[in-house]
């Protein structure tokens, strides 16, 4: 996948064993707003998008168990349509819990951003770090949460995902340029290190 500033990756996977939670995320991140009569009149008079700021639109997918989430992430990577963010519930019996699924997802996808959502204290921060490792790709969100928290996290983390992709592409471009220059000059090649 290549970075496209006009069409950034806003794909979000919601993982929870409760259908009502999926509905809540859909209302917050992918609401279907019916056009009011005033909105329709404004479009007729001034054309589409008449000086109105548009809300960021997220593409939501859903999974009800940790293993299902892992499979969806694998499929998305295979299609070169990766998820930028996963909102992962911690408790989803039976099967692997959200912390275990998160460890697998972080190993599968080097850019994926994950928000662990929990109402319980089943896992201490130390336990989470022991299972997943230290990473800047993980946030914790305590339930119950406000809609604005979800929206802000989704926007910030999808933006981070896209900026990481853009930086990686620029690094690769500079590496190619450096290798060409070093070949022309007959100098030993020096790789540009990836930021960690």
N, C-alpha and C. Protein backbone atom coordinates (compact mmCIF):
# COMPACT_ATOMS: atom_id res chain seq x y z
N UNK A 1 0.85 -1.17 0.00
CA UNK A 1 0.00 0.00 0.00
C UNK A 1 0.89 1.23 0.00
N UNK A 2 0.55 2.20 -0.83
CA UNK A 2 1.28 3.46 -0.88
C UNK A 2 0.49 4.56 -0.18
N UNK A 3 1.23 5.48 0.41
CA UNK A 3 0.59 6.60 1.09
C UNK A 3 -0.05 7.53 0.08
N UNK A 4 -1.30 7.88 0.30
CA UNK A 4 -2.03 8.80 -0.55
C UNK A 4 -2.68 9.86 0.35
N UNK A 5 -2.10 11.07 0.38
CA UNK A 5 -2.66 12.09 1.29
C UNK A 5 -4.11 12.44 1.01
N UNK A 6 -4.56 12.22 -0.23
CA UNK A 6 -5.96 12.52 -0.56
C UNK A 6 -6.91 11.40 -0.15
N UNK A 7 -6.34 10.22 0.08
CA UNK A 7 -7.17 9.07 0.45
C UNK A 7 -6.44 8.26 1.52
N UNK A 8 -6.31 8.82 2.73
CA UNK A 8 -5.56 8.11 3.77
C UNK A 8 -6.31 6.87 4.26
N UNK A 9 -5.54 5.95 4.82
CA UNK A 9 -6.11 4.73 5.37
C UNK A 9 -6.87 5.06 6.66
N UNK A 10 -8.16 4.88 6.64
CA UNK A 10 -9.00 5.09 7.83
C UNK A 10 -9.73 3.79 8.18
N UNK A 11 -9.12 2.64 7.86
CA UNK A 11 -9.75 1.36 8.16
C UNK A 11 -9.57 1.02 9.63
N UNK A 12 -10.69 0.71 10.28
CA UNK A 12 -10.72 0.43 11.72
C UNK A 12 -11.43 -0.90 11.93
N UNK A 13 -10.81 -1.75 12.76
CA UNK A 13 -11.42 -3.02 13.13
C UNK A 13 -11.86 -2.94 14.59
N UNK A 14 -13.13 -3.26 14.84
CA UNK A 14 -13.68 -3.28 16.20
C UNK A 14 -13.83 -4.75 16.59
N UNK A 15 -13.23 -5.11 17.74
CA UNK A 15 -13.24 -6.50 18.21
C UNK A 15 -13.87 -6.53 19.59
N UNK A 16 -15.04 -7.14 19.68
CA UNK A 16 -15.76 -7.24 20.95
C UNK A 16 -16.78 -8.36 20.81
N UNK A 17 -17.05 -9.06 21.90
CA UNK A 17 -18.01 -10.16 21.83
C UNK A 17 -19.45 -9.70 22.07
N UNK A 18 -19.67 -8.39 22.21
CA UNK A 18 -21.00 -7.85 22.46
C UNK A 18 -21.47 -7.01 21.26
N UNK A 19 -22.56 -7.42 20.66
CA UNK A 19 -23.07 -6.72 19.47
C UNK A 19 -23.37 -5.25 19.76
N UNK A 20 -23.85 -4.95 20.96
CA UNK A 20 -24.20 -3.58 21.30
C UNK A 20 -22.97 -2.65 21.24
N UNK A 21 -21.82 -3.17 21.61
CA UNK A 21 -20.57 -2.37 21.54
C UNK A 21 -20.26 -2.05 20.08
N UNK A 22 -20.45 -3.02 19.20
CA UNK A 22 -20.23 -2.77 17.77
C UNK A 22 -21.16 -1.67 17.28
N UNK A 23 -22.41 -1.71 17.71
CA UNK A 23 -23.37 -0.67 17.34
C UNK A 23 -22.92 0.70 17.82
N UNK A 24 -22.40 0.75 19.05
CA UNK A 24 -21.92 2.03 19.60
C UNK A 24 -20.76 2.58 18.78
N UNK A 25 -19.80 1.73 18.43
CA UNK A 25 -18.67 2.18 17.62
C UNK A 25 -19.14 2.67 16.25
N UNK A 26 -20.12 1.96 15.68
CA UNK A 26 -20.64 2.37 14.37
C UNK A 26 -21.29 3.74 14.45
N UNK A 27 -22.06 3.98 15.50
CA UNK A 27 -22.71 5.29 15.67
C UNK A 27 -21.68 6.41 15.78
N UNK A 28 -20.55 6.12 16.42
CA UNK A 28 -19.53 7.14 16.65
C UNK A 28 -18.62 7.34 15.43
N UNK A 29 -18.19 6.23 14.81
CA UNK A 29 -17.17 6.33 13.76
C UNK A 29 -17.72 6.26 12.34
N UNK A 30 -18.90 5.73 12.16
CA UNK A 30 -19.46 5.62 10.81
C UNK A 30 -20.95 5.91 10.82
N UNK A 31 -21.34 7.06 11.36
CA UNK A 31 -22.77 7.35 11.44
C UNK A 31 -23.36 7.62 10.06
N UNK A 32 -24.60 7.25 9.91
CA UNK A 32 -25.31 7.55 8.67
C UNK A 32 -26.24 8.71 9.00
N UNK A 33 -25.85 9.90 8.56
CA UNK A 33 -26.63 11.09 8.88
C UNK A 33 -27.59 11.39 7.74
N UNK A 34 -28.88 11.33 8.01
CA UNK A 34 -29.82 11.67 6.94
C UNK A 34 -29.74 13.17 6.62
N UNK A 35 -29.78 13.47 5.36
CA UNK A 35 -29.72 14.88 4.95
C UNK A 35 -31.02 15.57 5.33
N UNK A 36 -30.90 16.72 5.94
CA UNK A 36 -32.08 17.48 6.31
C UNK A 36 -32.58 18.24 5.07
N UNK A 37 -33.77 18.76 5.16
CA UNK A 37 -34.32 19.54 4.05
C UNK A 37 -33.44 20.76 3.79
N UNK A 38 -32.91 21.35 4.86
CA UNK A 38 -32.02 22.51 4.71
C UNK A 38 -30.73 22.12 3.98
N UNK A 39 -30.17 20.95 4.33
CA UNK A 39 -28.95 20.48 3.65
C UNK A 39 -29.22 20.25 2.17
N UNK A 40 -30.36 19.63 1.85
CA UNK A 40 -30.69 19.38 0.44
C UNK A 40 -30.87 20.69 -0.31
N UNK A 41 -31.54 21.67 0.32
CA UNK A 41 -31.73 22.98 -0.33
C UNK A 41 -30.40 23.68 -0.55
N UNK A 42 -29.49 23.56 0.42
CA UNK A 42 -28.18 24.18 0.28
C UNK A 42 -27.39 23.57 -0.88
N UNK A 43 -27.48 22.26 -1.04
CA UNK A 43 -26.80 21.59 -2.16
C UNK A 43 -27.40 22.05 -3.48
N UNK A 44 -28.73 22.17 -3.53
CA UNK A 44 -29.39 22.61 -4.76
C UNK A 44 -28.97 24.04 -5.12
N UNK A 45 -28.87 24.91 -4.13
CA UNK A 45 -28.52 26.31 -4.38
C UNK A 45 -27.04 26.52 -4.65
N UNK A 46 -26.19 25.89 -3.85
CA UNK A 46 -24.76 26.20 -3.90
C UNK A 46 -23.89 25.06 -4.38
N UNK A 47 -24.47 23.89 -4.63
CA UNK A 47 -23.67 22.75 -5.07
C UNK A 47 -23.24 21.91 -3.87
N UNK A 48 -22.71 20.73 -4.19
CA UNK A 48 -22.27 19.81 -3.13
C UNK A 48 -21.12 20.41 -2.34
N UNK A 49 -21.11 20.11 -1.05
CA UNK A 49 -20.01 20.54 -0.18
C UNK A 49 -19.94 22.04 0.00
N UNK A 50 -21.03 22.69 0.06
CA UNK A 50 -21.07 24.15 0.13
C UNK A 50 -20.50 24.67 1.45
N UNK A 51 -19.20 24.92 1.46
CA UNK A 51 -18.50 25.52 2.60
C UNK A 51 -18.76 24.85 3.94
N UNK A 52 -18.94 23.55 3.93
CA UNK A 52 -19.15 22.82 5.18
C UNK A 52 -17.94 21.94 5.45
N UNK A 53 -17.42 22.00 6.67
CA UNK A 53 -16.35 21.07 6.98
C UNK A 53 -16.91 19.65 7.00
N UNK A 54 -16.18 18.73 6.45
CA UNK A 54 -16.65 17.36 6.43
C UNK A 54 -15.96 16.57 7.53
N UNK A 55 -16.70 15.72 8.18
CA UNK A 55 -16.14 14.87 9.23
C UNK A 55 -15.32 13.77 8.58
N UNK A 56 -14.28 13.35 9.27
CA UNK A 56 -13.47 12.24 8.79
C UNK A 56 -14.34 10.98 8.79
N UNK A 57 -14.28 10.25 7.70
CA UNK A 57 -15.05 9.01 7.59
C UNK A 57 -14.13 7.82 7.81
N UNK A 58 -14.56 6.90 8.65
CA UNK A 58 -13.80 5.69 8.94
C UNK A 58 -14.49 4.51 8.28
N UNK A 59 -13.70 3.54 7.84
CA UNK A 59 -14.24 2.31 7.26
C UNK A 59 -14.16 1.24 8.34
N UNK A 60 -15.31 0.85 8.85
CA UNK A 60 -15.35 -0.10 9.96
C UNK A 60 -15.53 -1.54 9.49
N UNK A 61 -14.82 -2.43 10.18
CA UNK A 61 -15.03 -3.87 10.07
C UNK A 61 -15.21 -4.38 11.49
N UNK A 62 -15.76 -5.58 11.61
CA UNK A 62 -16.09 -6.08 12.93
C UNK A 62 -15.65 -7.53 13.09
N UNK A 63 -15.22 -7.86 14.32
CA UNK A 63 -14.91 -9.23 14.71
C UNK A 63 -15.43 -9.42 16.13
N UNK A 64 -15.82 -10.65 16.45
CA UNK A 64 -16.41 -10.92 17.76
C UNK A 64 -15.50 -11.73 18.68
N UNK A 65 -14.38 -12.19 18.18
CA UNK A 65 -13.41 -12.95 18.98
C UNK A 65 -12.00 -12.59 18.54
N UNK A 66 -11.02 -12.83 19.42
CA UNK A 66 -9.64 -12.52 19.12
C UNK A 66 -9.11 -13.26 17.91
N UNK A 67 -9.42 -14.55 17.80
CA UNK A 67 -8.93 -15.33 16.65
C UNK A 67 -9.53 -14.82 15.35
N UNK A 68 -10.79 -14.44 15.38
CA UNK A 68 -11.43 -13.87 14.18
C UNK A 68 -10.74 -12.56 13.79
N UNK A 69 -10.35 -11.76 14.76
CA UNK A 69 -9.63 -10.51 14.48
C UNK A 69 -8.30 -10.79 13.81
N UNK A 70 -7.58 -11.79 14.30
CA UNK A 70 -6.29 -12.15 13.70
C UNK A 70 -6.48 -12.53 12.25
N UNK A 71 -7.50 -13.34 11.96
CA UNK A 71 -7.76 -13.76 10.57
C UNK A 71 -8.12 -12.56 9.70
N UNK A 72 -8.93 -11.65 10.22
CA UNK A 72 -9.31 -10.46 9.43
C UNK A 72 -8.09 -9.59 9.13
N UNK A 73 -7.19 -9.45 10.09
CA UNK A 73 -5.98 -8.66 9.86
C UNK A 73 -5.10 -9.35 8.82
N UNK A 74 -4.96 -10.67 8.91
CA UNK A 74 -4.18 -11.42 7.90
C UNK A 74 -4.77 -11.22 6.50
N UNK A 75 -6.09 -11.36 6.38
CA UNK A 75 -6.76 -11.19 5.09
C UNK A 75 -6.56 -9.78 4.55
N UNK A 76 -6.67 -8.79 5.41
CA UNK A 76 -6.50 -7.39 4.99
C UNK A 76 -5.08 -7.15 4.51
N UNK A 77 -4.09 -7.70 5.19
CA UNK A 77 -2.70 -7.55 4.76
C UNK A 77 -2.47 -8.23 3.42
N UNK A 78 -3.06 -9.42 3.24
CA UNK A 78 -2.91 -10.15 1.98
C UNK A 78 -3.50 -9.37 0.80
N UNK A 79 -4.56 -8.61 1.05
CA UNK A 79 -5.20 -7.79 0.00
C UNK A 79 -4.55 -6.42 -0.15
N UNK A 80 -3.52 -6.14 0.67
CA UNK A 80 -2.87 -4.83 0.72
C UNK A 80 -3.88 -3.74 1.08
N UNK A 81 -4.77 -4.08 2.01
CA UNK A 81 -5.75 -3.15 2.56
C UNK A 81 -5.71 -3.24 4.08
N UNK A 82 -4.56 -2.92 4.69
CA UNK A 82 -4.40 -3.14 6.12
C UNK A 82 -5.29 -2.23 6.96
N UNK A 83 -5.57 -2.71 8.17
CA UNK A 83 -6.26 -1.88 9.14
C UNK A 83 -5.24 -0.93 9.74
N UNK A 84 -5.65 0.30 9.97
CA UNK A 84 -4.78 1.26 10.65
C UNK A 84 -4.93 1.10 12.16
N UNK A 85 -6.16 0.88 12.63
CA UNK A 85 -6.44 0.84 14.06
C UNK A 85 -7.35 -0.34 14.39
N UNK A 86 -7.09 -0.95 15.55
CA UNK A 86 -7.97 -1.98 16.09
C UNK A 86 -8.39 -1.55 17.49
N UNK A 87 -9.70 -1.51 17.74
CA UNK A 87 -10.23 -1.34 19.08
C UNK A 87 -10.54 -2.74 19.58
N UNK A 88 -9.78 -3.22 20.57
CA UNK A 88 -9.81 -4.61 21.01
C UNK A 88 -10.32 -4.73 22.44
N UNK A 89 -11.42 -5.46 22.61
CA UNK A 89 -11.90 -5.76 23.96
C UNK A 89 -10.92 -6.73 24.61
N UNK A 90 -10.80 -6.67 25.93
CA UNK A 90 -9.88 -7.56 26.62
C UNK A 90 -10.53 -8.92 26.89
N UNK A 91 -11.78 -8.91 27.38
CA UNK A 91 -12.48 -10.15 27.71
C UNK A 91 -13.39 -10.57 26.57
N UNK A 92 -13.12 -11.77 26.01
CA UNK A 92 -13.98 -12.30 24.94
C UNK A 92 -14.01 -13.82 25.02
N UNK A 93 -14.55 -14.37 26.11
CA UNK A 93 -14.57 -15.83 26.22
C UNK A 93 -15.48 -16.45 25.17
N UNK A 94 -15.25 -17.63 24.71
CA UNK A 94 -14.07 -18.47 24.92
C UNK A 94 -12.96 -18.06 23.95
N UNK A 95 -11.83 -18.68 24.06
CA UNK A 95 -10.74 -18.41 23.13
C UNK A 95 -9.72 -17.45 23.72
N UNK A 96 -8.87 -16.94 22.85
CA UNK A 96 -7.80 -16.06 23.32
C UNK A 96 -8.38 -14.70 23.71
N UNK A 97 -7.78 -14.08 24.71
CA UNK A 97 -8.29 -12.78 25.13
C UNK A 97 -7.66 -11.67 24.29
N UNK A 98 -8.08 -10.45 24.55
CA UNK A 98 -7.63 -9.32 23.76
C UNK A 98 -6.15 -9.03 23.87
N UNK A 99 -5.56 -9.30 25.05
CA UNK A 99 -4.13 -9.07 25.23
C UNK A 99 -3.33 -10.05 24.38
N UNK A 100 -3.73 -11.32 24.39
CA UNK A 100 -3.04 -12.32 23.57
C UNK A 100 -3.22 -12.03 22.07
N UNK A 101 -4.42 -11.64 21.68
CA UNK A 101 -4.66 -11.31 20.27
C UNK A 101 -3.84 -10.10 19.85
N UNK A 102 -3.72 -9.13 20.74
CA UNK A 102 -2.92 -7.93 20.45
C UNK A 102 -1.46 -8.29 20.20
N UNK A 103 -0.91 -9.19 21.02
CA UNK A 103 0.48 -9.62 20.81
C UNK A 103 0.67 -10.19 19.41
N UNK A 104 -0.26 -11.02 18.96
CA UNK A 104 -0.17 -11.61 17.63
C UNK A 104 -0.28 -10.53 16.55
N UNK A 105 -1.23 -9.59 16.71
CA UNK A 105 -1.44 -8.55 15.71
C UNK A 105 -0.22 -7.64 15.57
N UNK A 106 0.42 -7.32 16.69
CA UNK A 106 1.60 -6.46 16.64
C UNK A 106 2.75 -7.17 15.93
N UNK A 107 2.82 -8.49 16.07
CA UNK A 107 3.85 -9.26 15.35
C UNK A 107 3.50 -9.37 13.86
N UNK A 108 2.21 -9.48 13.54
CA UNK A 108 1.77 -9.63 12.15
C UNK A 108 1.97 -8.36 11.32
N UNK A 109 1.70 -7.21 11.92
CA UNK A 109 1.65 -5.96 11.17
C UNK A 109 2.49 -4.91 11.90
N UNK A 110 3.54 -4.44 11.26
CA UNK A 110 4.48 -3.52 11.91
C UNK A 110 3.95 -2.11 12.12
N UNK A 111 2.80 -1.77 11.53
CA UNK A 111 2.26 -0.41 11.68
C UNK A 111 0.97 -0.35 12.48
N UNK A 112 0.30 -1.46 12.66
CA UNK A 112 -1.04 -1.46 13.25
C UNK A 112 -1.04 -0.79 14.63
N UNK A 113 -2.06 0.01 14.88
CA UNK A 113 -2.26 0.71 16.15
C UNK A 113 -3.41 0.03 16.87
N UNK A 114 -3.24 -0.22 18.18
CA UNK A 114 -4.26 -0.97 18.91
C UNK A 114 -4.68 -0.23 20.17
N UNK A 115 -5.99 -0.21 20.40
CA UNK A 115 -6.55 0.34 21.63
C UNK A 115 -7.21 -0.83 22.37
N UNK A 116 -6.66 -1.16 23.54
CA UNK A 116 -7.27 -2.20 24.38
C UNK A 116 -8.39 -1.55 25.20
N UNK A 117 -9.59 -2.09 25.07
CA UNK A 117 -10.76 -1.55 25.76
C UNK A 117 -11.18 -2.52 26.86
N UNK A 118 -11.28 -2.00 28.09
CA UNK A 118 -11.65 -2.89 29.18
C UNK A 118 -12.36 -2.14 30.31
N UNK A 119 -13.26 -2.84 30.97
CA UNK A 119 -13.94 -2.30 32.14
C UNK A 119 -13.37 -2.94 33.41
N UNK A 120 -12.47 -3.90 33.22
CA UNK A 120 -11.96 -4.68 34.34
C UNK A 120 -10.47 -4.44 34.54
N UNK A 121 -9.97 -4.96 35.63
CA UNK A 121 -8.54 -4.87 35.90
C UNK A 121 -7.94 -6.27 35.88
N UNK A 122 -8.31 -7.05 34.86
CA UNK A 122 -7.80 -8.41 34.73
C UNK A 122 -6.29 -8.43 34.52
N UNK A 123 -5.79 -7.43 33.82
CA UNK A 123 -4.38 -7.37 33.47
C UNK A 123 -3.79 -6.06 33.98
N UNK A 124 -2.71 -6.17 34.71
CA UNK A 124 -1.99 -4.97 35.11
C UNK A 124 -1.17 -4.49 33.92
N UNK A 125 -0.70 -3.25 33.99
CA UNK A 125 0.14 -2.73 32.91
C UNK A 125 1.38 -3.59 32.78
N UNK A 126 1.94 -4.04 33.90
CA UNK A 126 3.13 -4.89 33.88
C UNK A 126 2.84 -6.19 33.14
N UNK A 127 1.68 -6.79 33.42
CA UNK A 127 1.29 -8.03 32.75
C UNK A 127 1.11 -7.81 31.24
N UNK A 128 0.52 -6.69 30.87
CA UNK A 128 0.33 -6.38 29.45
C UNK A 128 1.68 -6.22 28.77
N UNK A 129 2.60 -5.49 29.40
CA UNK A 129 3.93 -5.29 28.81
C UNK A 129 4.69 -6.61 28.73
N UNK A 130 4.54 -7.47 29.74
CA UNK A 130 5.21 -8.78 29.69
C UNK A 130 4.67 -9.63 28.54
N UNK A 131 3.38 -9.51 28.25
CA UNK A 131 2.77 -10.29 27.17
C UNK A 131 3.05 -9.70 25.80
N UNK A 132 2.93 -8.39 25.67
CA UNK A 132 3.02 -7.72 24.37
C UNK A 132 4.40 -7.13 24.12
N UNK A 133 5.03 -6.64 25.16
CA UNK A 133 6.29 -5.92 25.02
C UNK A 133 6.03 -4.42 25.02
N UNK A 134 7.09 -3.65 25.21
CA UNK A 134 6.98 -2.19 25.16
C UNK A 134 6.71 -1.77 23.73
N UNK A 135 5.71 -0.97 23.53
CA UNK A 135 5.38 -0.51 22.18
C UNK A 135 4.66 0.83 22.24
N UNK A 136 4.90 1.63 21.23
CA UNK A 136 4.17 2.91 21.12
C UNK A 136 2.92 2.74 20.27
N UNK A 137 2.54 1.50 19.98
CA UNK A 137 1.37 1.23 19.14
C UNK A 137 0.19 0.72 19.95
N UNK A 138 0.20 0.97 21.27
CA UNK A 138 -0.84 0.45 22.14
C UNK A 138 -1.32 1.52 23.11
N UNK A 139 -2.64 1.67 23.19
CA UNK A 139 -3.28 2.53 24.19
C UNK A 139 -4.29 1.69 24.96
N UNK A 140 -4.62 2.16 26.17
CA UNK A 140 -5.64 1.51 26.99
C UNK A 140 -6.82 2.48 27.12
N UNK A 141 -8.03 1.98 26.91
CA UNK A 141 -9.24 2.78 27.06
C UNK A 141 -10.16 2.06 28.05
N UNK A 142 -10.47 2.74 29.15
CA UNK A 142 -11.33 2.16 30.17
C UNK A 142 -12.80 2.37 29.81
N UNK A 143 -13.59 1.30 29.93
CA UNK A 143 -15.03 1.39 29.75
C UNK A 143 -15.65 1.84 31.06
N UNK A 144 -16.75 2.55 31.05
CA UNK A 144 -17.43 3.10 29.88
C UNK A 144 -16.65 4.30 29.35
N UNK A 145 -16.71 4.48 28.05
CA UNK A 145 -15.97 5.57 27.43
C UNK A 145 -16.92 6.52 26.74
N UNK A 146 -16.45 7.73 26.50
CA UNK A 146 -17.23 8.73 25.79
C UNK A 146 -17.00 8.60 24.30
N UNK A 147 -17.98 8.98 23.53
CA UNK A 147 -17.87 8.93 22.07
C UNK A 147 -16.68 9.75 21.59
N UNK A 148 -16.45 10.91 22.20
CA UNK A 148 -15.35 11.77 21.76
C UNK A 148 -14.00 11.10 21.96
N UNK A 149 -13.87 10.27 23.01
CA UNK A 149 -12.60 9.55 23.23
C UNK A 149 -12.33 8.59 22.08
N UNK A 150 -13.35 7.87 21.66
CA UNK A 150 -13.19 6.92 20.56
C UNK A 150 -12.84 7.66 19.27
N UNK A 151 -13.57 8.72 18.99
CA UNK A 151 -13.35 9.48 17.75
C UNK A 151 -11.95 10.09 17.74
N UNK A 152 -11.53 10.69 18.85
CA UNK A 152 -10.20 11.30 18.90
C UNK A 152 -9.10 10.25 18.74
N UNK A 153 -9.26 9.11 19.40
CA UNK A 153 -8.25 8.05 19.27
C UNK A 153 -8.20 7.53 17.84
N UNK A 154 -9.37 7.31 17.25
CA UNK A 154 -9.40 6.80 15.87
C UNK A 154 -8.73 7.78 14.92
N UNK A 155 -9.02 9.07 15.07
CA UNK A 155 -8.42 10.07 14.19
C UNK A 155 -6.91 10.17 14.42
N UNK A 156 -6.49 10.27 15.68
CA UNK A 156 -5.06 10.41 15.98
C UNK A 156 -4.27 9.18 15.54
N UNK A 157 -4.81 7.99 15.79
CA UNK A 157 -4.06 6.78 15.46
C UNK A 157 -4.06 6.45 13.98
N UNK A 158 -5.16 6.74 13.26
CA UNK A 158 -5.10 6.54 11.81
C UNK A 158 -4.15 7.55 11.18
N UNK A 159 -4.12 8.76 11.71
CA UNK A 159 -3.17 9.77 11.22
C UNK A 159 -1.74 9.31 11.48
N UNK A 160 -1.48 8.80 12.68
CA UNK A 160 -0.14 8.28 13.00
C UNK A 160 0.23 7.15 12.04
N UNK A 161 -0.70 6.24 11.78
CA UNK A 161 -0.45 5.12 10.86
C UNK A 161 -0.05 5.66 9.48
N UNK A 162 -0.80 6.64 8.98
CA UNK A 162 -0.52 7.19 7.66
C UNK A 162 0.81 7.94 7.62
N UNK A 163 1.14 8.66 8.67
CA UNK A 163 2.42 9.39 8.72
C UNK A 163 3.60 8.42 8.81
N UNK A 164 3.40 7.30 9.50
CA UNK A 164 4.45 6.28 9.57
C UNK A 164 4.69 5.68 8.19
N UNK A 165 3.62 5.40 7.46
CA UNK A 165 3.75 4.88 6.10
C UNK A 165 4.48 5.88 5.21
N UNK A 166 4.10 7.15 5.30
CA UNK A 166 4.75 8.19 4.49
C UNK A 166 6.24 8.29 4.83
N UNK A 167 6.58 8.22 6.11
CA UNK A 167 7.98 8.29 6.53
C UNK A 167 8.76 7.08 6.02
N UNK A 168 8.15 5.89 6.10
CA UNK A 168 8.82 4.68 5.60
C UNK A 168 9.07 4.78 4.10
N UNK A 169 8.09 5.29 3.35
CA UNK A 169 8.26 5.45 1.91
C UNK A 169 9.37 6.44 1.59
N UNK A 170 9.43 7.54 2.33
CA UNK A 170 10.47 8.55 2.12
C UNK A 170 11.84 7.96 2.44
N UNK A 171 11.94 7.19 3.53
CA UNK A 171 13.20 6.54 3.89
C UNK A 171 13.66 5.60 2.76
N UNK A 172 12.72 4.80 2.22
CA UNK A 172 13.07 3.88 1.13
C UNK A 172 13.54 4.65 -0.11
N UNK A 173 12.87 5.76 -0.39
CA UNK A 173 13.25 6.59 -1.53
C UNK A 173 14.67 7.16 -1.34
N UNK A 174 14.94 7.64 -0.13
CA UNK A 174 16.28 8.15 0.16
C UNK A 174 17.33 7.05 0.12
N UNK A 175 16.98 5.86 0.58
CA UNK A 175 17.90 4.73 0.52
C UNK A 175 18.25 4.41 -0.93
N UNK A 176 17.25 4.38 -1.81
CA UNK A 176 17.51 4.12 -3.23
C UNK A 176 18.42 5.19 -3.82
N UNK A 177 18.13 6.45 -3.50
CA UNK A 177 18.96 7.55 -4.00
C UNK A 177 20.39 7.43 -3.49
N UNK A 178 20.55 7.10 -2.19
CA UNK A 178 21.88 6.97 -1.60
C UNK A 178 22.65 5.82 -2.23
N UNK A 179 21.99 4.69 -2.46
CA UNK A 179 22.66 3.54 -3.09
C UNK A 179 23.12 3.88 -4.50
N UNK A 180 22.28 4.59 -5.26
CA UNK A 180 22.66 5.00 -6.61
C UNK A 180 23.87 5.93 -6.56
N UNK A 181 23.83 6.89 -5.67
CA UNK A 181 24.93 7.84 -5.53
C UNK A 181 26.22 7.13 -5.11
N UNK A 182 26.11 6.21 -4.16
CA UNK A 182 27.29 5.49 -3.70
C UNK A 182 27.88 4.61 -4.80
N UNK A 183 27.03 3.99 -5.62
CA UNK A 183 27.51 3.19 -6.75
C UNK A 183 28.27 4.07 -7.74
N UNK A 184 27.68 5.23 -8.05
CA UNK A 184 28.33 6.16 -8.99
C UNK A 184 29.68 6.63 -8.47
N UNK A 185 29.79 6.79 -7.16
CA UNK A 185 31.03 7.28 -6.56
C UNK A 185 31.99 6.15 -6.19
N UNK A 186 31.54 4.89 -6.30
CA UNK A 186 32.38 3.76 -5.96
C UNK A 186 32.62 3.64 -4.47
N UNK A 187 31.63 4.04 -3.67
CA UNK A 187 31.74 4.03 -2.22
C UNK A 187 30.91 2.87 -1.67
N UNK A 188 31.37 2.29 -0.54
CA UNK A 188 30.61 1.20 0.11
C UNK A 188 29.23 1.72 0.50
N UNK A 189 28.24 0.86 0.29
CA UNK A 189 26.85 1.27 0.55
C UNK A 189 26.55 1.28 2.04
N UNK A 190 25.82 2.31 2.46
CA UNK A 190 25.43 2.48 3.84
C UNK A 190 23.91 2.55 3.92
N UNK A 191 23.30 1.60 4.63
CA UNK A 191 21.82 1.63 4.72
C UNK A 191 21.35 2.75 5.65
N UNK A 192 20.18 3.29 5.34
CA UNK A 192 19.53 4.26 6.22
C UNK A 192 18.72 3.45 7.22
N UNK A 193 18.94 3.69 8.49
CA UNK A 193 18.26 2.91 9.53
C UNK A 193 16.81 3.36 9.66
N UNK A 194 15.97 2.38 9.92
CA UNK A 194 14.56 2.64 10.16
C UNK A 194 14.40 3.20 11.56
N UNK A 195 13.61 4.24 11.69
CA UNK A 195 13.33 4.81 13.01
C UNK A 195 12.54 3.79 13.82
N UNK A 196 12.84 3.70 15.10
CA UNK A 196 12.12 2.73 15.93
C UNK A 196 11.20 3.42 16.89
